[in-house]
Amino acid sequence: MAKDKLPKAKGVPNKHLHSRSTFLYQAATYLTLRAGASDANKAQDSVQSSRAPQNHLGLALQLGSDLQTVSRKGQVRLSSELKRTICKTCNTVLIPGRTATQAIENESKGGKKSWADVMVITCALCGSKKRFPIGAKRQPKKAERQPPQAQTSLSEKSAEEPISTVSPMQTTSDQALTPG
């Protein structure tokens, strides 16, 4: 006698991996912001900063690296918004004005094509660049595209053409002799 199988649980598969990656991202962002704030406060209050851990940025980099490792090993896809805010080279959380700079470039014939704008995010630590198109319309996904017009087959084309009475092998003298 076969055992009854329990119904499968509904919801997000590998929920623990999603929650872990979310926590790692939030912690890395917090420590990156904290490292920028401690650099500004370092000149004002040297006594307080000597007691506080000075290696916030190093820990933030380690958490970013852990985030990438967890997502790869657990085969969890990170959202595109989250991936855009992490440097691929050094795993820094890219925060405009703190750890990254943003610029808009348009190298198309002197900037005449407005749909060719590209946002370039440059990492302040390693100098790597990420480029994202801004004004261009995205092509619809393959499932949402309309299929191309069906081309007629050769048999349909040959059926539509009229059949000539003169064969191509006849010569001009044969055509002149044939009453027509």
N, C-alpha and C. Protein backbone atom coordinates (compact mmCIF):
# COMPACT_ATOMS: atom_id res chain seq x y z
N MET A 1 0.84 -1.17 0.00
CA MET A 1 0.00 0.00 0.00
C MET A 1 0.89 1.24 0.00
N ALA A 2 0.63 2.16 -0.92
CA ALA A 2 1.44 3.37 -1.07
C ALA A 2 1.05 4.40 -0.03
N LYS A 3 2.05 5.13 0.41
CA LYS A 3 1.79 6.19 1.39
C LYS A 3 1.25 7.41 0.69
N ASP A 4 0.37 8.12 1.38
CA ASP A 4 -0.15 9.36 0.83
C ASP A 4 0.93 10.43 0.92
N LYS A 5 1.10 11.18 -0.18
CA LYS A 5 2.08 12.25 -0.20
C LYS A 5 1.46 13.52 0.35
N LEU A 6 2.26 14.24 1.11
CA LEU A 6 1.79 15.51 1.65
C LEU A 6 1.74 16.54 0.53
N PRO A 7 0.79 17.46 0.59
CA PRO A 7 0.74 18.49 -0.45
C PRO A 7 1.95 19.40 -0.33
N LYS A 8 2.42 19.87 -1.49
CA LYS A 8 3.59 20.73 -1.50
C LYS A 8 3.24 22.09 -0.89
N ALA A 9 4.22 22.65 -0.19
CA ALA A 9 4.01 23.96 0.44
C ALA A 9 4.00 25.04 -0.63
N LYS A 10 3.08 25.95 -0.52
CA LYS A 10 2.99 27.06 -1.47
C LYS A 10 3.86 28.20 -0.95
N GLY A 11 4.31 29.00 -1.86
CA GLY A 11 5.12 30.15 -1.47
C GLY A 11 6.44 30.18 -2.22
N VAL A 12 7.36 30.91 -1.68
CA VAL A 12 8.66 31.10 -2.33
C VAL A 12 9.56 29.91 -2.02
N PRO A 13 10.11 29.27 -3.05
CA PRO A 13 11.08 28.21 -2.76
C PRO A 13 12.37 28.83 -2.26
N ASN A 14 13.05 28.14 -1.36
CA ASN A 14 14.30 28.63 -0.76
C ASN A 14 14.12 29.99 -0.09
N LYS A 15 13.07 30.10 0.69
CA LYS A 15 12.77 31.37 1.34
C LYS A 15 13.90 31.79 2.27
N HIS A 16 14.56 30.82 2.90
CA HIS A 16 15.65 31.14 3.81
C HIS A 16 16.82 31.77 3.07
N LEU A 17 17.05 31.38 1.80
CA LEU A 17 18.12 31.99 1.02
C LEU A 17 17.77 33.42 0.61
N HIS A 18 16.50 33.64 0.28
CA HIS A 18 16.07 34.99 -0.05
C HIS A 18 16.19 35.92 1.15
N SER A 19 15.77 35.43 2.30
CA SER A 19 15.85 36.28 3.50
C SER A 19 17.30 36.53 3.89
N ARG A 20 18.16 35.53 3.70
CA ARG A 20 19.58 35.72 4.02
C ARG A 20 20.22 36.73 3.07
N SER A 21 19.92 36.64 1.79
CA SER A 21 20.51 37.58 0.83
C SER A 21 19.98 39.00 1.08
N THR A 22 18.71 39.13 1.46
CA THR A 22 18.16 40.45 1.78
C THR A 22 18.86 41.03 2.99
N PHE A 23 19.08 40.22 4.02
CA PHE A 23 19.78 40.69 5.22
C PHE A 23 21.20 41.12 4.88
N LEU A 24 21.92 40.32 4.09
CA LEU A 24 23.29 40.66 3.74
C LEU A 24 23.35 41.97 2.97
N TYR A 25 22.40 42.20 2.06
CA TYR A 25 22.38 43.44 1.30
C TYR A 25 22.11 44.63 2.21
N GLN A 26 21.13 44.49 3.11
CA GLN A 26 20.80 45.58 4.02
C GLN A 26 21.96 45.90 4.95
N ALA A 27 22.63 44.86 5.45
CA ALA A 27 23.76 45.08 6.35
C ALA A 27 24.92 45.73 5.61
N ALA A 28 25.18 45.30 4.38
CA ALA A 28 26.27 45.90 3.60
C ALA A 28 25.98 47.37 3.30
N THR A 29 24.73 47.68 2.99
CA THR A 29 24.34 49.07 2.72
C THR A 29 24.50 49.91 3.98
N TYR A 30 24.04 49.40 5.10
CA TYR A 30 24.14 50.12 6.37
C TYR A 30 25.60 50.41 6.72
N LEU A 31 26.45 49.39 6.60
CA LEU A 31 27.85 49.58 6.96
C LEU A 31 28.57 50.51 5.97
N THR A 32 28.17 50.49 4.72
CA THR A 32 28.76 51.41 3.75
C THR A 32 28.40 52.84 4.09
N LEU A 33 27.13 53.06 4.44
CA LEU A 33 26.72 54.41 4.85
C LEU A 33 27.40 54.81 6.15
N ARG A 34 27.56 53.88 7.05
CA ARG A 34 28.23 54.13 8.32
C ARG A 34 29.69 54.49 8.12
N ALA A 35 30.35 53.82 7.18
CA ALA A 35 31.76 54.10 6.90
C ALA A 35 31.92 55.51 6.36
N GLY A 36 31.00 55.95 5.51
CA GLY A 36 31.06 57.32 4.99
C GLY A 36 30.81 58.34 6.07
N ALA A 37 29.91 58.02 7.00
CA ALA A 37 29.61 58.94 8.10
C ALA A 37 30.77 58.99 9.09
N SER A 38 31.43 57.87 9.35
CA SER A 38 32.54 57.86 10.30
C SER A 38 33.75 58.61 9.74
N ASP A 39 33.93 58.62 8.40
CA ASP A 39 35.01 59.39 7.80
C ASP A 39 34.79 60.88 8.00
N ALA A 40 33.52 61.32 7.92
CA ALA A 40 33.22 62.73 8.12
C ALA A 40 33.37 63.12 9.59
N ASN A 41 33.00 62.23 10.48
CA ASN A 41 33.09 62.52 11.91
C ASN A 41 34.48 62.31 12.47
N LYS A 42 35.36 61.67 11.73
CA LYS A 42 36.69 61.35 12.23
C LYS A 42 37.47 62.61 12.58
N ALA A 43 37.37 63.62 11.75
CA ALA A 43 38.09 64.86 12.01
C ALA A 43 37.51 65.60 13.20
N GLN A 44 36.20 65.49 13.42
CA GLN A 44 35.55 66.23 14.50
C GLN A 44 35.79 65.58 15.86
N ASP A 45 35.66 64.29 15.94
CA ASP A 45 35.73 63.63 17.24
C ASP A 45 36.65 62.41 17.15
N SER A 46 37.92 62.61 17.43
CA SER A 46 38.88 61.51 17.31
C SER A 46 38.74 60.52 18.46
N VAL A 47 38.25 60.94 19.61
CA VAL A 47 38.11 60.05 20.76
C VAL A 47 37.00 59.03 20.50
N GLN A 48 35.86 59.49 20.01
CA GLN A 48 34.74 58.59 19.78
C GLN A 48 35.04 57.62 18.64
N SER A 49 35.70 58.09 17.60
CA SER A 49 35.99 57.20 16.46
C SER A 49 37.05 56.17 16.81
N SER A 50 37.90 56.46 17.81
CA SER A 50 38.90 55.47 18.19
C SER A 50 38.26 54.29 18.91
N ARG A 51 37.14 54.53 19.60
CA ARG A 51 36.43 53.43 20.26
C ARG A 51 35.57 52.64 19.26
N ALA A 52 35.03 53.32 18.28
CA ALA A 52 34.17 52.67 17.29
C ALA A 52 35.03 51.86 16.32
N PRO A 53 34.50 50.74 15.81
CA PRO A 53 35.28 49.96 14.84
C PRO A 53 35.51 50.78 13.57
N GLN A 54 36.75 50.79 13.10
CA GLN A 54 37.12 51.63 11.97
C GLN A 54 36.99 50.87 10.64
N ASN A 55 36.72 49.61 10.70
CA ASN A 55 36.75 48.81 9.49
C ASN A 55 35.34 48.52 8.96
N HIS A 56 34.47 49.54 8.96
CA HIS A 56 33.10 49.34 8.46
C HIS A 56 33.11 48.99 6.98
N LEU A 57 33.95 49.67 6.20
CA LEU A 57 33.96 49.45 4.77
C LEU A 57 34.47 48.04 4.44
N GLY A 58 35.46 47.57 5.16
CA GLY A 58 35.97 46.21 4.92
C GLY A 58 34.92 45.16 5.22
N LEU A 59 34.16 45.37 6.29
CA LEU A 59 33.09 44.44 6.62
C LEU A 59 31.97 44.51 5.59
N ALA A 60 31.68 45.71 5.09
CA ALA A 60 30.65 45.87 4.06
C ALA A 60 31.07 45.15 2.78
N LEU A 61 32.34 45.21 2.44
CA LEU A 61 32.84 44.49 1.26
C LEU A 61 32.71 42.98 1.46
N GLN A 62 33.00 42.51 2.66
CA GLN A 62 32.88 41.08 2.94
C GLN A 62 31.42 40.62 2.86
N LEU A 63 30.50 41.45 3.35
CA LEU A 63 29.08 41.09 3.27
C LEU A 63 28.60 41.09 1.82
N GLY A 64 29.10 42.01 1.01
CA GLY A 64 28.75 42.02 -0.42
C GLY A 64 29.26 40.77 -1.11
N SER A 65 30.47 40.35 -0.75
CA SER A 65 31.03 39.12 -1.31
C SER A 65 30.21 37.90 -0.87
N ASP A 66 29.80 37.89 0.41
CA ASP A 66 28.95 36.79 0.91
C ASP A 66 27.61 36.75 0.18
N LEU A 67 27.07 37.91 -0.13
CA LEU A 67 25.80 38.00 -0.85
C LEU A 67 25.93 37.34 -2.22
N GLN A 68 27.00 37.65 -2.93
CA GLN A 68 27.22 37.03 -4.24
C GLN A 68 27.40 35.52 -4.11
N THR A 69 28.12 35.09 -3.09
CA THR A 69 28.37 33.66 -2.89
C THR A 69 27.08 32.91 -2.58
N VAL A 70 26.25 33.47 -1.70
CA VAL A 70 24.98 32.83 -1.33
C VAL A 70 24.07 32.73 -2.55
N SER A 71 24.01 33.78 -3.35
CA SER A 71 23.12 33.75 -4.51
C SER A 71 23.60 32.74 -5.56
N ARG A 72 24.91 32.59 -5.71
CA ARG A 72 25.43 31.63 -6.69
C ARG A 72 25.26 30.19 -6.21
N LYS A 73 25.65 29.93 -4.97
CA LYS A 73 25.58 28.55 -4.48
C LYS A 73 24.16 28.07 -4.30
N GLY A 74 23.27 28.96 -3.88
CA GLY A 74 21.88 28.58 -3.70
C GLY A 74 21.05 28.71 -4.96
N GLN A 75 21.67 29.17 -6.05
CA GLN A 75 21.00 29.40 -7.33
C GLN A 75 19.77 30.27 -7.16
N VAL A 76 19.97 31.37 -6.45
CA VAL A 76 18.90 32.34 -6.22
C VAL A 76 19.20 33.55 -7.10
N ARG A 77 18.23 33.95 -7.90
CA ARG A 77 18.42 35.11 -8.76
C ARG A 77 18.17 36.38 -7.97
N LEU A 78 19.12 37.29 -8.05
CA LEU A 78 18.95 38.59 -7.42
C LEU A 78 18.16 39.47 -8.38
N SER A 79 17.39 40.39 -7.82
CA SER A 79 16.60 41.28 -8.67
C SER A 79 17.53 42.22 -9.42
N SER A 80 17.05 42.72 -10.55
CA SER A 80 17.90 43.59 -11.37
C SER A 80 18.21 44.89 -10.65
N GLU A 81 17.29 45.40 -9.84
CA GLU A 81 17.55 46.63 -9.08
C GLU A 81 18.66 46.41 -8.06
N LEU A 82 18.67 45.25 -7.45
CA LEU A 82 19.70 44.93 -6.47
C LEU A 82 21.06 44.74 -7.16
N LYS A 83 21.05 44.06 -8.30
CA LYS A 83 22.31 43.83 -9.02
C LYS A 83 22.91 45.13 -9.53
N ARG A 84 22.06 46.10 -9.86
CA ARG A 84 22.57 47.38 -10.35
C ARG A 84 23.27 48.18 -9.28
N THR A 85 23.00 47.88 -8.02
CA THR A 85 23.60 48.65 -6.94
C THR A 85 24.81 47.95 -6.32
N ILE A 86 25.29 46.88 -6.94
CA ILE A 86 26.47 46.18 -6.42
C ILE A 86 27.52 46.15 -7.52
N CYS A 87 28.75 46.52 -7.17
CA CYS A 87 29.86 46.49 -8.13
C CYS A 87 30.24 45.04 -8.40
N LYS A 88 30.39 44.67 -9.67
CA LYS A 88 30.75 43.30 -10.02
C LYS A 88 32.20 42.98 -9.69
N THR A 89 33.05 44.00 -9.68
CA THR A 89 34.47 43.76 -9.48
C THR A 89 34.82 43.60 -8.00
N CYS A 90 34.36 44.56 -7.16
CA CYS A 90 34.80 44.55 -5.76
C CYS A 90 33.66 44.33 -4.77
N ASN A 91 32.44 44.09 -5.24
CA ASN A 91 31.26 43.82 -4.40
C ASN A 91 30.90 44.96 -3.46
N THR A 92 31.23 46.19 -3.83
CA THR A 92 30.85 47.35 -3.04
C THR A 92 29.39 47.69 -3.33
N VAL A 93 28.69 48.16 -2.32
CA VAL A 93 27.34 48.68 -2.54
C VAL A 93 27.52 50.07 -3.13
N LEU A 94 26.99 50.28 -4.33
CA LEU A 94 27.18 51.54 -5.05
C LEU A 94 26.14 52.55 -4.61
N ILE A 95 26.58 53.54 -3.86
CA ILE A 95 25.71 54.61 -3.39
C ILE A 95 26.18 55.90 -4.05
N PRO A 96 25.33 56.52 -4.88
CA PRO A 96 25.76 57.72 -5.59
C PRO A 96 26.19 58.82 -4.61
N GLY A 97 27.37 59.38 -4.88
CA GLY A 97 27.91 60.43 -4.03
C GLY A 97 28.82 59.92 -2.94
N ARG A 98 28.70 58.67 -2.56
CA ARG A 98 29.56 58.09 -1.51
C ARG A 98 30.56 57.11 -2.09
N THR A 99 30.06 56.04 -2.68
CA THR A 99 30.95 55.01 -3.22
C THR A 99 30.89 54.93 -4.74
N ALA A 100 30.10 55.80 -5.37
CA ALA A 100 29.98 55.76 -6.82
C ALA A 100 29.64 57.15 -7.36
N THR A 101 29.98 57.35 -8.62
CA THR A 101 29.58 58.58 -9.31
C THR A 101 28.72 58.20 -10.50
N GLN A 102 27.75 59.05 -10.79
CA GLN A 102 26.85 58.80 -11.92
C GLN A 102 27.05 59.91 -12.94
N ALA A 103 27.01 59.53 -14.20
CA ALA A 103 27.09 60.49 -15.30
C ALA A 103 26.25 59.96 -16.45
N ILE A 104 25.70 60.89 -17.22
CA ILE A 104 24.92 60.50 -18.40
C ILE A 104 25.74 60.88 -19.63
N GLU A 105 25.98 59.89 -20.49
CA GLU A 105 26.75 60.08 -21.70
C GLU A 105 25.89 59.81 -22.90
N ASN A 106 26.22 60.50 -23.98
CA ASN A 106 25.56 60.25 -25.26
C ASN A 106 26.62 60.46 -26.33
N GLU A 107 27.17 59.37 -26.82
CA GLU A 107 28.26 59.43 -27.79
C GLU A 107 27.76 59.24 -29.22
N SER A 108 26.50 59.49 -29.47
CA SER A 108 25.93 59.24 -30.79
C SER A 108 25.93 60.52 -31.61
N LYS A 109 26.86 60.64 -32.53
CA LYS A 109 26.92 61.76 -33.46
C LYS A 109 26.78 63.10 -32.75
N GLY A 110 27.56 63.26 -31.70
CA GLY A 110 27.53 64.53 -30.97
C GLY A 110 26.31 64.70 -30.09
N GLY A 111 25.69 63.63 -29.68
CA GLY A 111 24.53 63.69 -28.79
C GLY A 111 23.23 64.03 -29.47
N LYS A 112 23.15 63.82 -30.77
CA LYS A 112 21.93 64.16 -31.51
C LYS A 112 20.81 63.15 -31.30
N LYS A 113 21.17 61.92 -30.96
CA LYS A 113 20.15 60.88 -30.77
C LYS A 113 19.77 60.86 -29.30
N SER A 114 18.61 61.37 -28.99
CA SER A 114 18.19 61.46 -27.58
C SER A 114 17.91 60.09 -26.98
N TRP A 115 17.57 59.11 -27.78
CA TRP A 115 17.27 57.78 -27.26
C TRP A 115 18.54 56.97 -26.98
N ALA A 116 19.71 57.55 -27.26
CA ALA A 116 20.96 56.84 -27.06
C ALA A 116 21.67 57.27 -25.77
N ASP A 117 20.93 57.87 -24.83
CA ASP A 117 21.53 58.26 -23.55
C ASP A 117 21.90 57.02 -22.75
N VAL A 118 23.06 57.08 -22.09
CA VAL A 118 23.55 55.96 -21.30
C VAL A 118 23.98 56.50 -19.94
N MET A 119 23.48 55.88 -18.87
CA MET A 119 23.91 56.26 -17.53
C MET A 119 25.13 55.40 -17.18
N VAL A 120 26.21 56.07 -16.80
CA VAL A 120 27.45 55.38 -16.46
C VAL A 120 27.68 55.55 -14.97
N ILE A 121 27.74 54.42 -14.25
CA ILE A 121 28.00 54.43 -12.81
C ILE A 121 29.43 53.93 -12.62
N THR A 122 30.28 54.77 -11.99
CA THR A 122 31.67 54.43 -11.79
C THR A 122 31.91 54.15 -10.31
N CYS A 123 32.49 53.01 -10.00
CA CYS A 123 32.80 52.64 -8.62
C CYS A 123 33.99 53.49 -8.15
N ALA A 124 33.88 54.05 -6.95
CA ALA A 124 34.95 54.89 -6.41
C ALA A 124 36.12 54.05 -5.89
N LEU A 125 35.89 52.80 -5.52
CA LEU A 125 36.97 51.98 -4.99
C LEU A 125 37.84 51.36 -6.08
N CYS A 126 37.21 50.70 -7.05
CA CYS A 126 38.00 49.97 -8.05
C CYS A 126 38.02 50.65 -9.41
N GLY A 127 37.12 51.61 -9.66
CA GLY A 127 37.10 52.33 -10.92
C GLY A 127 36.35 51.63 -12.04
N SER A 128 35.71 50.51 -11.77
CA SER A 128 34.96 49.82 -12.82
C SER A 128 33.69 50.60 -13.14
N LYS A 129 33.20 50.40 -14.35
CA LYS A 129 32.04 51.16 -14.82
C LYS A 129 30.91 50.22 -15.19
N LYS A 130 29.69 50.67 -14.90
CA LYS A 130 28.48 49.98 -15.33
C LYS A 130 27.73 50.95 -16.22
N ARG A 131 27.20 50.42 -17.32
CA ARG A 131 26.51 51.27 -18.29
C ARG A 131 25.08 50.76 -18.48
N PHE A 132 24.11 51.68 -18.36
CA PHE A 132 22.70 51.32 -18.51
C PHE A 132 22.04 52.29 -19.47
N PRO A 133 21.32 51.77 -20.50
CA PRO A 133 20.61 52.67 -21.41
C PRO A 133 19.45 53.34 -20.69
N ILE A 134 19.21 54.62 -21.06
CA ILE A 134 18.16 55.36 -20.36
C ILE A 134 16.94 55.59 -21.26
N GLY A 135 17.10 56.25 -22.37
CA GLY A 135 15.95 56.68 -23.16
C GLY A 135 15.43 55.67 -24.14
N ALA A 136 16.11 54.55 -24.34
CA ALA A 136 15.72 53.60 -25.36
C ALA A 136 14.52 52.77 -24.92
N LYS A 137 13.65 52.48 -25.87
CA LYS A 137 12.52 51.61 -25.58
C LYS A 137 13.01 50.17 -25.64
N ARG A 138 12.62 49.38 -24.68
CA ARG A 138 13.03 47.98 -24.66
C ARG A 138 12.19 47.19 -25.65
N GLN A 139 12.82 46.23 -26.28
CA GLN A 139 12.10 45.34 -27.18
C GLN A 139 11.23 44.42 -26.34
N PRO A 140 9.99 44.17 -26.78
CA PRO A 140 9.15 43.25 -26.00
C PRO A 140 9.75 41.86 -25.92
N LYS A 141 9.40 41.15 -24.86
CA LYS A 141 9.91 39.80 -24.69
C LYS A 141 9.42 38.92 -25.83
N LYS A 142 10.14 37.84 -26.07
CA LYS A 142 9.85 36.98 -27.22
C LYS A 142 8.43 36.44 -27.17
N ALA A 143 7.95 36.12 -25.98
CA ALA A 143 6.60 35.58 -25.84
C ALA A 143 5.54 36.64 -26.16
N GLU A 144 5.88 37.92 -25.97
CA GLU A 144 4.91 39.00 -26.18
C GLU A 144 4.95 39.56 -27.59
N ARG A 145 5.99 39.21 -28.38
CA ARG A 145 6.10 39.71 -29.74
C ARG A 145 5.09 39.04 -30.65
N GLN A 146 4.67 39.75 -31.68
CA GLN A 146 3.77 39.15 -32.66
C GLN A 146 4.61 38.36 -33.65
N PRO A 147 4.14 37.19 -34.06
CA PRO A 147 4.93 36.39 -34.99
C PRO A 147 5.04 37.10 -36.33
N PRO A 148 6.16 36.92 -37.05
CA PRO A 148 6.31 37.55 -38.37
C PRO A 148 5.32 36.96 -39.36
N GLN A 149 5.05 37.70 -40.42
CA GLN A 149 4.10 37.24 -41.43
C GLN A 149 4.60 35.95 -42.05
N ALA A 150 3.71 34.99 -42.15
CA ALA A 150 4.09 33.69 -42.72
C ALA A 150 4.37 33.87 -44.21
N GLN A 151 5.49 33.34 -44.65
CA GLN A 151 5.85 33.45 -46.06
C GLN A 151 5.19 32.31 -46.82
N THR A 152 4.77 32.64 -48.03
CA THR A 152 4.11 31.61 -48.83
C THR A 152 5.14 30.60 -49.31
N SER A 153 4.74 29.37 -49.38
CA SER A 153 5.66 28.31 -49.79
C SER A 153 5.79 28.29 -51.31
N LEU A 154 6.76 27.57 -51.80
CA LEU A 154 6.99 27.48 -53.24
C LEU A 154 5.83 26.83 -53.97
N SER A 155 5.19 25.87 -53.35
CA SER A 155 4.07 25.21 -54.02
C SER A 155 2.90 26.16 -54.20
N GLU A 156 2.69 27.06 -53.25
CA GLU A 156 1.61 28.03 -53.39
C GLU A 156 1.95 29.03 -54.49
N LYS A 157 3.22 29.44 -54.58
CA LYS A 157 3.61 30.40 -55.62
C LYS A 157 3.48 29.78 -57.00
N SER A 158 3.88 28.53 -57.16
CA SER A 158 3.81 27.90 -58.47
C SER A 158 2.36 27.67 -58.89
N ALA A 159 1.48 27.49 -57.94
CA ALA A 159 0.07 27.29 -58.26
C ALA A 159 -0.56 28.59 -58.74
N GLU A 160 -0.04 29.74 -58.27
CA GLU A 160 -0.60 31.02 -58.64
C GLU A 160 -0.13 31.47 -60.02
N GLU A 161 1.06 31.06 -60.48
CA GLU A 161 1.61 31.50 -61.76
C GLU A 161 0.92 30.75 -62.90
N PRO A 162 0.64 31.46 -63.98
CA PRO A 162 0.02 30.77 -65.13
C PRO A 162 1.05 29.89 -65.84
N ILE A 163 0.58 28.81 -66.39
CA ILE A 163 1.45 27.87 -67.09
C ILE A 163 1.58 28.35 -68.53
N SER A 164 2.82 28.51 -68.97
CA SER A 164 3.03 28.97 -70.35
C SER A 164 2.91 27.79 -71.31
N THR A 165 2.44 28.07 -72.51
CA THR A 165 2.27 27.03 -73.50
C THR A 165 3.55 26.76 -74.27
N VAL A 166 4.49 27.72 -74.25
CA VAL A 166 5.74 27.55 -74.98
C VAL A 166 6.78 27.06 -74.00
N SER A 167 7.42 25.95 -74.34
CA SER A 167 8.46 25.43 -73.46
C SER A 167 9.73 26.24 -73.66
N PRO A 168 10.57 26.32 -72.66
CA PRO A 168 11.79 27.11 -72.81
C PRO A 168 12.78 26.49 -73.79
N MET A 169 12.59 25.25 -74.17
CA MET A 169 13.52 24.57 -75.06
C MET A 169 13.24 24.89 -76.53
N GLN A 170 12.09 25.46 -76.83
CA GLN A 170 11.77 25.78 -78.22
C GLN A 170 12.64 26.95 -78.68
N THR A 171 13.03 26.91 -79.91
CA THR A 171 13.82 27.99 -80.47
C THR A 171 12.91 29.03 -81.10
N THR A 172 13.47 30.13 -81.46
CA THR A 172 12.66 31.18 -82.08
C THR A 172 12.11 30.75 -83.42
N SER A 173 12.86 29.89 -84.13
CA SER A 173 12.37 29.42 -85.44
C SER A 173 11.17 28.48 -85.24
N ASP A 174 11.19 27.68 -84.15
CA ASP A 174 10.05 26.80 -83.84
C ASP A 174 8.84 27.63 -83.50
N GLN A 175 9.05 28.72 -82.78
CA GLN A 175 7.91 29.57 -82.39
C GLN A 175 7.32 30.26 -83.59
N ALA A 176 8.17 30.60 -84.58
CA ALA A 176 7.66 31.26 -85.78
C ALA A 176 6.84 30.29 -86.63
N LEU A 177 7.21 29.00 -86.65
CA LEU A 177 6.50 28.00 -87.43
C LEU A 177 5.18 27.60 -86.79
N THR A 178 5.12 27.68 -85.46
CA THR A 178 3.91 27.27 -84.78
C THR A 178 2.84 28.33 -84.96
N PRO A 179 1.65 27.91 -85.41
CA PRO A 179 0.60 28.91 -85.55
C PRO A 179 0.13 29.34 -84.17
N GLY A 180 -0.11 30.55 -84.01
CA GLY A 180 -0.40 30.98 -82.68
C GLY A 180 -1.50 31.81 -82.54
